[in-house]
Amino acid sequence: MARHYVEAGRLTVKTACLAFGISQTCYRYQAKLNAENETIADWLV
């Protein structure tokens, strides 16, 4: 939700994070995919 308001230009990252109660680190986090994850997921299924 915070990303939506920042991308629309309505809020800055700092203001959006304060409004939604999240850290800026959390806002900017992007998971790094690992090829091993797919293999493990196949084992679990």
N, C-alpha and C. Protein backbone atom coordinates (compact mmCIF):
# COMPACT_ATOMS: atom_id res chain seq x y z
N MET A 1 0.83 -1.18 0.00
CA MET A 1 0.00 0.00 0.00
C MET A 1 0.88 1.26 0.00
N ALA A 2 1.94 1.25 0.81
CA ALA A 2 2.83 2.41 0.86
C ALA A 2 3.45 2.65 -0.51
N ARG A 3 3.85 1.56 -1.17
CA ARG A 3 4.47 1.69 -2.50
C ARG A 3 3.52 2.36 -3.49
N HIS A 4 2.25 2.06 -3.39
CA HIS A 4 1.24 2.65 -4.28
C HIS A 4 1.24 4.18 -4.15
N TYR A 5 1.23 4.68 -2.93
CA TYR A 5 1.19 6.13 -2.72
C TYR A 5 2.49 6.81 -3.14
N VAL A 6 3.62 6.13 -2.94
CA VAL A 6 4.90 6.70 -3.35
C VAL A 6 4.99 6.75 -4.87
N GLU A 7 4.59 5.66 -5.54
CA GLU A 7 4.66 5.63 -7.00
C GLU A 7 3.69 6.62 -7.63
N ALA A 8 2.58 6.89 -6.95
CA ALA A 8 1.61 7.85 -7.47
C ALA A 8 2.07 9.29 -7.23
N GLY A 9 3.15 9.45 -6.47
CA GLY A 9 3.68 10.78 -6.20
C GLY A 9 2.94 11.53 -5.11
N ARG A 10 2.14 10.83 -4.36
CA ARG A 10 1.35 11.49 -3.30
C ARG A 10 2.14 11.64 -2.00
N LEU A 11 3.05 10.69 -1.73
CA LEU A 11 3.84 10.73 -0.50
C LEU A 11 5.30 10.42 -0.80
N THR A 12 6.18 10.89 0.08
CA THR A 12 7.58 10.49 0.00
C THR A 12 7.71 9.12 0.67
N VAL A 13 8.82 8.47 0.45
CA VAL A 13 9.05 7.16 1.06
C VAL A 13 8.99 7.29 2.58
N LYS A 14 9.64 8.30 3.11
CA LYS A 14 9.68 8.50 4.56
C LYS A 14 8.28 8.69 5.13
N THR A 15 7.49 9.53 4.51
CA THR A 15 6.14 9.82 4.99
C THR A 15 5.24 8.59 4.87
N ALA A 16 5.35 7.87 3.78
CA ALA A 16 4.54 6.67 3.58
C ALA A 16 4.88 5.62 4.63
N CYS A 17 6.15 5.45 4.91
CA CYS A 17 6.56 4.47 5.92
C CYS A 17 6.06 4.86 7.30
N LEU A 18 6.13 6.12 7.63
CA LEU A 18 5.60 6.57 8.92
C LEU A 18 4.09 6.36 9.00
N ALA A 19 3.39 6.67 7.92
CA ALA A 19 1.93 6.55 7.90
C ALA A 19 1.47 5.10 8.03
N PHE A 20 2.22 4.17 7.41
CA PHE A 20 1.81 2.77 7.42
C PHE A 20 2.53 1.95 8.50
N GLY A 21 3.38 2.60 9.26
CA GLY A 21 4.04 1.94 10.37
C GLY A 21 5.06 0.88 9.97
N ILE A 22 5.79 1.13 8.88
CA ILE A 22 6.83 0.20 8.46
C ILE A 22 8.16 0.95 8.37
N SER A 23 9.24 0.19 8.42
CA SER A 23 10.55 0.82 8.30
C SER A 23 10.88 1.04 6.82
N GLN A 24 11.80 1.95 6.56
CA GLN A 24 12.22 2.18 5.19
C GLN A 24 12.97 0.97 4.65
N THR A 25 13.63 0.24 5.53
CA THR A 25 14.31 -0.99 5.12
C THR A 25 13.29 -2.00 4.62
N CYS A 26 12.20 -2.13 5.35
CA CYS A 26 11.13 -3.04 4.95
C CYS A 26 10.53 -2.60 3.62
N TYR A 27 10.35 -1.32 3.44
CA TYR A 27 9.80 -0.79 2.19
C TYR A 27 10.67 -1.15 1.00
N ARG A 28 11.98 -1.07 1.17
CA ARG A 28 12.91 -1.28 0.06
C ARG A 28 13.33 -2.73 -0.13
N TYR A 29 12.95 -3.62 0.78
CA TYR A 29 13.38 -5.02 0.73
C TYR A 29 12.89 -5.72 -0.53
N GLN A 30 13.78 -6.45 -1.16
CA GLN A 30 13.42 -7.31 -2.29
C GLN A 30 14.10 -8.65 -2.09
N ALA A 31 13.32 -9.71 -2.08
CA ALA A 31 13.87 -11.04 -1.87
C ALA A 31 14.80 -11.43 -3.02
N LYS A 32 15.86 -12.10 -2.68
CA LYS A 32 16.80 -12.59 -3.69
C LYS A 32 16.48 -14.06 -3.92
N LEU A 33 16.14 -14.39 -5.14
CA LEU A 33 15.79 -15.76 -5.46
C LEU A 33 17.06 -16.59 -5.64
N ASN A 34 16.98 -17.82 -5.21
CA ASN A 34 18.11 -18.73 -5.28
C ASN A 34 17.63 -19.97 -6.04
N ALA A 35 18.43 -20.46 -6.95
CA ALA A 35 18.06 -21.64 -7.73
C ALA A 35 17.78 -22.83 -6.83
N GLU A 36 18.45 -22.89 -5.70
CA GLU A 36 18.26 -23.99 -4.76
C GLU A 36 16.85 -23.98 -4.17
N ASN A 37 16.26 -22.83 -4.06
CA ASN A 37 14.90 -22.73 -3.51
C ASN A 37 13.89 -23.52 -4.33
N GLU A 38 14.03 -23.49 -5.64
CA GLU A 38 13.11 -24.20 -6.52
C GLU A 38 13.25 -25.71 -6.32
N THR A 39 14.46 -26.18 -6.15
CA THR A 39 14.70 -27.61 -5.92
C THR A 39 14.07 -28.04 -4.60
N ILE A 40 14.26 -27.25 -3.57
CA ILE A 40 13.70 -27.57 -2.26
C ILE A 40 12.18 -27.56 -2.32
N ALA A 41 11.59 -26.60 -3.03
CA ALA A 41 10.14 -26.53 -3.17
C ALA A 41 9.60 -27.78 -3.87
N ASP A 42 10.32 -28.28 -4.87
CA ASP A 42 9.92 -29.51 -5.55
C ASP A 42 9.93 -30.70 -4.60
N TRP A 43 10.93 -30.76 -3.71
CA TRP A 43 11.01 -31.86 -2.74
C TRP A 43 9.81 -31.83 -1.81
N LEU A 44 9.40 -30.63 -1.42
CA LEU A 44 8.29 -30.49 -0.47
C LEU A 44 6.95 -30.87 -1.07
N VAL A 45 6.84 -30.72 -2.38
CA VAL A 45 5.57 -31.07 -3.05
C VAL A 45 5.60 -32.53 -3.38
